[in-house]
Amino acid sequence: MEKTQKDHLEDTLDELVEDKLTRFKDKLGETTFQGRKIAKGKLQKATTLEVASLLISTYTKKYAAENTVSILRAINEVDLAKELEKKTGAVVNMVGLESSPPHAGVPGEVEEVIEDPVSLLRTHKVRLIEVLSNDPSPIEQGVHSKGLLSDRKYRNIRSINDPSEKIEELLDFIMGKGSGAAQEFIELLRTLQDDFPTLPAELLGVNRN
């Protein structure tokens, strides 16, 4: 019998040792995908089967696999991420837009086009440099506290005097780390909207009409 997406997700999660599975759950509970997030309370004591079920019920079969790949890469389980991509056909797009087909059985309804976090940052890079360079300190401290920068890289970026160059270097570094880091950076930006009210609405997933 051919395995389902849920089977592949459960098999992949079963490959994680206990501490890695805990890290996966923690990261999943901290990360928003497609405007949705799974509550940490639901994940804390969940079995791999229950986590797989939550992924599918929250994000649909298509995005459950893609989001799992992103989390696996974020916790440095690159080999497992690649295996899951092959088994499910999930593709975490690192360059351009990623679209999805209409919901099966729901005539005329089309899912929102989802752009990869790296692509989102790349698309809005110029605007981000313009906005964030007004006061780089909250961003510097935020990325460091999230563990996105090593102490050495943090010191290097802080040593750059020109604010625009500082932000550009930071953005390039984050984008180079891949989708997981880019998603965390976007989450950080969402927590700093009061400090930077002119951040691009599309990047933050908010409607300012």
C-alpha atoms as a PDB file:
ATOM      1  CA  MET A   1       0.000   0.000   0.000  1.00  0.00           C
ATOM      2  CA  GLU A   2       1.389   3.353  -1.022  1.00  0.00           C
ATOM      3  CA  LYS A   3       2.353   5.632   1.850  1.00  0.00           C
ATOM      4  CA  THR A   4       0.466   8.870   2.427  1.00  0.00           C
ATOM      5  CA  GLN A   5       1.922  12.306   3.152  1.00  0.00           C
ATOM      6  CA  LYS A   6       1.044  11.736   6.796  1.00  0.00           C
ATOM      7  CA  ASP A   7       2.980   8.458   6.784  1.00  0.00           C
ATOM      8  CA  HIS A   8       6.044  10.168   5.335  1.00  0.00           C
ATOM      9  CA  LEU A   9       5.841  12.949   7.934  1.00  0.00           C
ATOM     10  CA  GLU A  10       5.547  10.455  10.792  1.00  0.00           C
ATOM     11  CA  ASP A  11       8.394   8.308   9.430  1.00  0.00           C
ATOM     12  CA  THR A  12      10.621  11.392   9.166  1.00  0.00           C
ATOM     13  CA  LEU A  13       9.831  12.564  12.696  1.00  0.00           C
ATOM     14  CA  ASP A  14      10.484   9.046  14.000  1.00  0.00           C
ATOM     15  CA  GLU A  15      14.052   9.405  12.718  1.00  0.00           C
ATOM     16  CA  LEU A  16      14.721  12.275  15.128  1.00  0.00           C
ATOM     17  CA  VAL A  17      16.329  11.426  18.445  1.00  0.00           C
ATOM     18  CA  GLU A  18      14.521  12.682  21.525  1.00  0.00           C
ATOM     19  CA  ASP A  19      16.351  15.991  21.937  1.00  0.00           C
ATOM     20  CA  LYS A  20      16.093  16.742  18.218  1.00  0.00           C
ATOM     21  CA  LEU A  21      12.363  15.995  18.255  1.00  0.00           C
ATOM     22  CA  THR A  22      12.022  18.407  21.166  1.00  0.00           C
ATOM     23  CA  ARG A  23      13.898  21.056  19.176  1.00  0.00           C
ATOM     24  CA  PHE A  24      11.649  20.382  16.179  1.00  0.00           C
ATOM     25  CA  LYS A  25       8.520  20.878  18.306  1.00  0.00           C
ATOM     26  CA  ASP A  26       9.899  24.039  19.895  1.00  0.00           C
ATOM     27  CA  LYS A  27      10.835  25.539  16.545  1.00  0.00           C
ATOM     28  CA  LEU A  28       7.499  24.547  15.018  1.00  0.00           C
ATOM     29  CA  GLY A  29       5.621  26.160  17.885  1.00  0.00           C
ATOM     30  CA  GLU A  30       7.588  29.398  17.419  1.00  0.00           C
ATOM     31  CA  THR A  31       7.155  29.663  13.674  1.00  0.00           C
ATOM     32  CA  THR A  32       4.268  31.001  11.635  1.00  0.00           C
ATOM     33  CA  PHE A  33       3.634  29.520   8.184  1.00  0.00           C
ATOM     34  CA  GLN A  34       0.966  30.777   5.795  1.00  0.00           C
ATOM     35  CA  GLY A  35      -0.302  33.043   8.582  1.00  0.00           C
ATOM     36  CA  ARG A  36      -0.902  30.117  10.957  1.00  0.00           C
ATOM     37  CA  LYS A  37       0.941  28.662  13.927  1.00  0.00           C
ATOM     38  CA  ILE A  38       0.492  25.502  15.987  1.00  0.00           C
ATOM     39  CA  ALA A  39       0.210  26.245  19.699  1.00  0.00           C
ATOM     40  CA  LYS A  40       3.186  25.022  21.737  1.00  0.00           C
ATOM     41  CA  GLY A  41       0.808  23.484  24.264  1.00  0.00           C
ATOM     42  CA  LYS A  42      -0.470  21.078  21.622  1.00  0.00           C
ATOM     43  CA  LEU A  43       3.037  20.043  20.658  1.00  0.00           C
ATOM     44  CA  GLN A  44       4.719  19.604  24.016  1.00  0.00           C
ATOM     45  CA  LYS A  45       3.597  16.037  24.735  1.00  0.00           C
ATOM     46  CA  ALA A  46       2.455  15.101  21.236  1.00  0.00           C
ATOM     47  CA  THR A  47       3.655  11.865  19.661  1.00  0.00           C
ATOM     48  CA  THR A  48       5.166  11.898  16.169  1.00  0.00           C
ATOM     49  CA  LEU A  49       1.820  10.699  14.800  1.00  0.00           C
ATOM     50  CA  GLU A  50       0.013  13.529  16.569  1.00  0.00           C
ATOM     51  CA  VAL A  51       2.545  16.086  15.316  1.00  0.00           C
ATOM     52  CA  ALA A  52       2.071  14.822  11.761  1.00  0.00           C
ATOM     53  CA  SER A  53      -1.698  15.132  12.160  1.00  0.00           C
ATOM     54  CA  LEU A  54      -1.383  18.675  13.507  1.00  0.00           C
ATOM     55  CA  LEU A  55       0.853  19.662  10.593  1.00  0.00           C
ATOM     56  CA  ILE A  56      -1.656  18.434   8.038  1.00  0.00           C
ATOM     57  CA  SER A  57      -4.765  19.800   9.776  1.00  0.00           C
ATOM     58  CA  THR A  58      -3.135  23.202  10.234  1.00  0.00           C
ATOM     59  CA  TYR A  59      -1.333  23.675   6.904  1.00  0.00           C
ATOM     60  CA  THR A  60      -2.925  21.107   4.483  1.00  0.00           C
ATOM     61  CA  LYS A  61      -1.005  18.165   3.038  1.00  0.00           C
ATOM     62  CA  LYS A  62       0.946  20.273   0.540  1.00  0.00           C
ATOM     63  CA  TYR A  63       2.285  22.845   2.969  1.00  0.00           C
ATOM     64  CA  ALA A  64       2.661  20.413   5.890  1.00  0.00           C
ATOM     65  CA  ALA A  65       5.519  18.720   4.056  1.00  0.00           C
ATOM     66  CA  GLU A  66       7.102  21.980   2.900  1.00  0.00           C
ATOM     67  CA  ASN A  67       6.919  23.513   6.364  1.00  0.00           C
ATOM     68  CA  THR A  68       8.369  20.359   7.921  1.00  0.00           C
ATOM     69  CA  VAL A  69      11.296  20.587   5.507  1.00  0.00           C
ATOM     70  CA  SER A  70      11.865  24.209   6.558  1.00  0.00           C
ATOM     71  CA  ILE A  71      11.894  23.297  10.259  1.00  0.00           C
ATOM     72  CA  LEU A  72      14.231  20.354   9.666  1.00  0.00           C
ATOM     73  CA  ARG A  73      16.675  22.615   7.863  1.00  0.00           C
ATOM     74  CA  ALA A  74      16.404  25.173  10.659  1.00  0.00           C
ATOM     75  CA  ILE A  75      17.521  22.573  13.221  1.00  0.00           C
ATOM     76  CA  ASN A  76      20.303  21.363  10.910  1.00  0.00           C
ATOM     77  CA  GLU A  77      18.650  18.075   9.934  1.00  0.00           C
ATOM     78  CA  VAL A  78      19.493  18.682   6.288  1.00  0.00           C
ATOM     79  CA  ASP A  79      19.666  15.014   5.232  1.00  0.00           C
ATOM     80  CA  LEU A  80      16.225  14.267   6.658  1.00  0.00           C
ATOM     81  CA  ALA A  81      14.877  17.392   4.961  1.00  0.00           C
ATOM     82  CA  LYS A  82      16.226  16.225   1.596  1.00  0.00           C
ATOM     83  CA  GLU A  83      14.766  12.750   2.079  1.00  0.00           C
ATOM     84  CA  LEU A  84      11.345  14.182   2.893  1.00  0.00           C
ATOM     85  CA  GLU A  85      11.503  16.431  -0.164  1.00  0.00           C
ATOM     86  CA  LYS A  86      12.144  13.385  -2.366  1.00  0.00           C
ATOM     87  CA  LYS A  87       9.401  11.295  -0.769  1.00  0.00           C
ATOM     88  CA  THR A  88       6.690  13.972  -0.847  1.00  0.00           C
ATOM     89  CA  GLY A  89       7.693  16.188  -3.744  1.00  0.00           C
ATOM     90  CA  ALA A  90       7.800  19.139  -1.369  1.00  0.00           C
ATOM     91  CA  VAL A  91       9.833  22.026  -2.699  1.00  0.00           C
ATOM     92  CA  VAL A  92      10.953  24.890  -0.491  1.00  0.00           C
ATOM     93  CA  ASN A  93      11.548  27.546  -3.126  1.00  0.00           C
ATOM     94  CA  MET A  94      14.686  29.575  -2.452  1.00  0.00           C
ATOM     95  CA  VAL A  95      14.398  31.851  -5.484  1.00  0.00           C
ATOM     96  CA  GLY A  96      10.947  32.887  -6.587  1.00  0.00           C
ATOM     97  CA  LEU A  97       7.239  32.655  -5.978  1.00  0.00           C
ATOM     98  CA  GLU A  98       5.547  29.442  -5.026  1.00  0.00           C
ATOM     99  CA  SER A  99       1.905  28.985  -5.968  1.00  0.00           C
ATOM    100  CA  SER A 100      -0.630  26.370  -5.010  1.00  0.00           C
ATOM    101  CA  PRO A 101      -3.553  24.857  -6.917  1.00  0.00           C
ATOM    102  CA  PRO A 102      -7.209  25.419  -5.994  1.00  0.00           C
ATOM    103  CA  HIS A 103      -8.573  23.468  -3.021  1.00  0.00           C
ATOM    104  CA  ALA A 104      -9.852  20.114  -4.168  1.00  0.00           C
ATOM    105  CA  GLY A 105     -13.642  20.014  -4.121  1.00  0.00           C
ATOM    106  CA  VAL A 106     -14.068  23.744  -3.532  1.00  0.00           C
ATOM    107  CA  PRO A 107     -14.952  25.267  -6.919  1.00  0.00           C
ATOM    108  CA  GLY A 108     -13.500  28.677  -7.595  1.00  0.00           C
ATOM    109  CA  GLU A 109     -11.523  28.884  -4.363  1.00  0.00           C
ATOM    110  CA  VAL A 110      -7.809  29.523  -4.802  1.00  0.00           C
ATOM    111  CA  GLU A 111      -5.208  29.442  -2.081  1.00  0.00           C
ATOM    112  CA  GLU A 112      -3.088  32.511  -1.529  1.00  0.00           C
ATOM    113  CA  VAL A 113       0.215  32.540  -3.412  1.00  0.00           C
ATOM    114  CA  ILE A 114       2.915  31.908  -0.833  1.00  0.00           C
ATOM    115  CA  GLU A 115       6.387  33.312  -1.268  1.00  0.00           C
ATOM    116  CA  ASP A 116       9.388  31.713   0.327  1.00  0.00           C
ATOM    117  CA  PRO A 117      10.816  33.707   3.279  1.00  0.00           C
ATOM    118  CA  VAL A 118      14.159  34.211   1.515  1.00  0.00           C
ATOM    119  CA  SER A 119      12.394  35.512  -1.575  1.00  0.00           C
ATOM    120  CA  LEU A 120      10.264  37.841   0.547  1.00  0.00           C
ATOM    121  CA  LEU A 121      13.343  39.362   2.103  1.00  0.00           C
ATOM    122  CA  ARG A 122      15.040  39.644  -1.281  1.00  0.00           C
ATOM    123  CA  THR A 123      11.968  41.315  -2.815  1.00  0.00           C
ATOM    124  CA  HIS A 124      11.782  43.906  -0.032  1.00  0.00           C
ATOM    125  CA  LYS A 125      15.505  44.253   0.597  1.00  0.00           C
ATOM    126  CA  VAL A 126      15.824  47.874  -0.569  1.00  0.00           C
ATOM    127  CA  ARG A 127      12.844  48.982   1.511  1.00  0.00           C
ATOM    128  CA  LEU A 128      14.069  47.060   4.546  1.00  0.00           C
ATOM    129  CA  ILE A 129      17.468  48.741   4.345  1.00  0.00           C
ATOM    130  CA  GLU A 130      15.764  52.126   4.143  1.00  0.00           C
ATOM    131  CA  VAL A 131      13.488  51.482   7.132  1.00  0.00           C
ATOM    132  CA  LEU A 132      15.757  49.478   9.435  1.00  0.00           C
ATOM    133  CA  SER A 133      18.820  51.680   8.960  1.00  0.00           C
ATOM    134  CA  ASN A 134      17.033  54.447  10.880  1.00  0.00           C
ATOM    135  CA  ASP A 135      17.724  52.495  14.079  1.00  0.00           C
ATOM    136  CA  PRO A 136      19.588  49.191  13.594  1.00  0.00           C
ATOM    137  CA  SER A 137      19.948  48.446  17.328  1.00  0.00           C
ATOM    138  CA  PRO A 138      16.656  46.537  17.885  1.00  0.00           C
ATOM    139  CA  ILE A 139      17.350  44.347  14.864  1.00  0.00           C
ATOM    140  CA  GLU A 140      20.959  43.664  15.871  1.00  0.00           C
ATOM    141  CA  GLN A 141      19.927  42.686  19.378  1.00  0.00           C
ATOM    142  CA  GLY A 142      16.949  40.652  18.166  1.00  0.00           C
ATOM    143  CA  VAL A 143      18.843  38.484  15.687  1.00  0.00           C
ATOM    144  CA  HIS A 144      21.589  37.892  18.232  1.00  0.00           C
ATOM    145  CA  SER A 145      19.158  36.886  20.970  1.00  0.00           C
ATOM    146  CA  LYS A 146      17.438  34.470  18.550  1.00  0.00           C
ATOM    147  CA  GLY A 147      20.772  32.808  17.854  1.00  0.00           C
ATOM    148  CA  LEU A 148      20.763  33.793  14.186  1.00  0.00           C
ATOM    149  CA  LEU A 149      24.193  35.396  14.595  1.00  0.00           C
ATOM    150  CA  SER A 150      27.269  33.985  16.252  1.00  0.00           C
ATOM    151  CA  ASP A 151      29.009  36.252  18.752  1.00  0.00           C
ATOM    152  CA  ARG A 152      31.750  36.881  16.223  1.00  0.00           C
ATOM    153  CA  LYS A 153      29.331  37.767  13.407  1.00  0.00           C
ATOM    154  CA  TYR A 154      27.369  39.969  15.811  1.00  0.00           C
ATOM    155  CA  ARG A 155      30.519  41.907  16.677  1.00  0.00           C
ATOM    156  CA  ASN A 156      31.453  42.220  13.008  1.00  0.00           C
ATOM    157  CA  ILE A 157      28.086  43.670  12.077  1.00  0.00           C
ATOM    158  CA  ARG A 158      28.064  46.038  15.045  1.00  0.00           C
ATOM    159  CA  SER A 159      31.477  47.309  13.963  1.00  0.00           C
ATOM    160  CA  ILE A 160      30.071  48.569  10.644  1.00  0.00           C
ATOM    161  CA  ASN A 161      29.572  52.315  11.048  1.00  0.00           C
ATOM    162  CA  ASP A 162      27.272  53.032   8.120  1.00  0.00           C
ATOM    163  CA  PRO A 163      23.686  51.969   9.125  1.00  0.00           C
ATOM    164  CA  SER A 164      22.662  51.093   5.565  1.00  0.00           C
ATOM    165  CA  GLU A 165      25.720  48.915   5.020  1.00  0.00           C
ATOM    166  CA  LYS A 166      25.114  47.308   8.417  1.00  0.00           C
ATOM    167  CA  ILE A 167      21.536  46.312   7.542  1.00  0.00           C
ATOM    168  CA  GLU A 168      22.503  45.149   4.053  1.00  0.00           C
ATOM    169  CA  GLU A 169      25.232  42.911   5.478  1.00  0.00           C
ATOM    170  CA  LEU A 170      22.785  41.529   8.029  1.00  0.00           C
ATOM    171  CA  LEU A 171      20.104  40.808   5.415  1.00  0.00           C
ATOM    172  CA  ASP A 172      22.569  39.107   3.082  1.00  0.00           C
ATOM    173  CA  PHE A 173      23.796  36.939   5.932  1.00  0.00           C
ATOM    174  CA  ILE A 174      20.264  35.936   7.008  1.00  0.00           C
ATOM    175  CA  MET A 175      19.199  35.128   3.448  1.00  0.00           C
ATOM    176  CA  GLY A 176      22.328  33.054   3.001  1.00  0.00           C
ATOM    177  CA  LYS A 177      21.348  30.883   5.970  1.00  0.00           C
ATOM    178  CA  GLY A 178      18.175  29.750   4.190  1.00  0.00           C
ATOM    179  CA  SER A 179      14.418  29.641   4.738  1.00  0.00           C
ATOM    180  CA  GLY A 180      14.488  28.793   8.441  1.00  0.00           C
ATOM    181  CA  ALA A 181      16.598  31.797   9.383  1.00  0.00           C
ATOM    182  CA  ALA A 182      14.677  34.058   7.009  1.00  0.00           C
ATOM    183  CA  GLN A 183      11.373  32.969   8.573  1.00  0.00           C
ATOM    184  CA  GLU A 184      12.704  33.681  12.066  1.00  0.00           C
ATOM    185  CA  PHE A 185      13.896  37.098  10.914  1.00  0.00           C
ATOM    186  CA  ILE A 186      10.443  37.891   9.535  1.00  0.00           C
ATOM    187  CA  GLU A 187       8.918  36.775  12.837  1.00  0.00           C
ATOM    188  CA  LEU A 188      11.292  39.157  14.595  1.00  0.00           C
ATOM    189  CA  LEU A 189      10.193  42.005  12.336  1.00  0.00           C
ATOM    190  CA  ARG A 190       6.567  41.299  13.249  1.00  0.00           C
ATOM    191  CA  THR A 191       7.396  41.790  16.922  1.00  0.00           C
ATOM    192  CA  LEU A 192       9.049  45.128  16.102  1.00  0.00           C
ATOM    193  CA  GLN A 193       6.233  46.721  14.108  1.00  0.00           C
ATOM    194  CA  ASP A 194       5.810  49.446  16.717  1.00  0.00           C
ATOM    195  CA  ASP A 195       9.479  50.390  16.309  1.00  0.00           C
ATOM    196  CA  PHE A 196       9.278  50.288  12.504  1.00  0.00           C
ATOM    197  CA  PRO A 197       5.683  51.164  11.511  1.00  0.00           C
ATOM    198  CA  THR A 198       6.586  51.622   7.832  1.00  0.00           C
ATOM    199  CA  LEU A 199       7.763  48.041   7.290  1.00  0.00           C
ATOM    200  CA  PRO A 200       6.244  46.494   4.128  1.00  0.00           C
ATOM    201  CA  ALA A 201       2.773  45.145   4.909  1.00  0.00           C
ATOM    202  CA  GLU A 202       3.186  42.227   2.484  1.00  0.00           C
ATOM    203  CA  LEU A 203       6.308  41.099   4.314  1.00  0.00           C
ATOM    204  CA  LEU A 204       4.504  41.131   7.649  1.00  0.00           C
ATOM    205  CA  GLY A 205       1.360  39.440   6.368  1.00  0.00           C
ATOM    206  CA  VAL A 206      -0.908  42.280   7.481  1.00  0.00           C
ATOM    207  CA  ASN A 207      -3.577  44.294   5.701  1.00  0.00           C
ATOM    208  CA  ARG A 208      -3.206  48.063   6.014  1.00  0.00           C
ATOM    209  CA  ASN A 209      -6.037  49.018   3.640  1.00  0.00           C
END
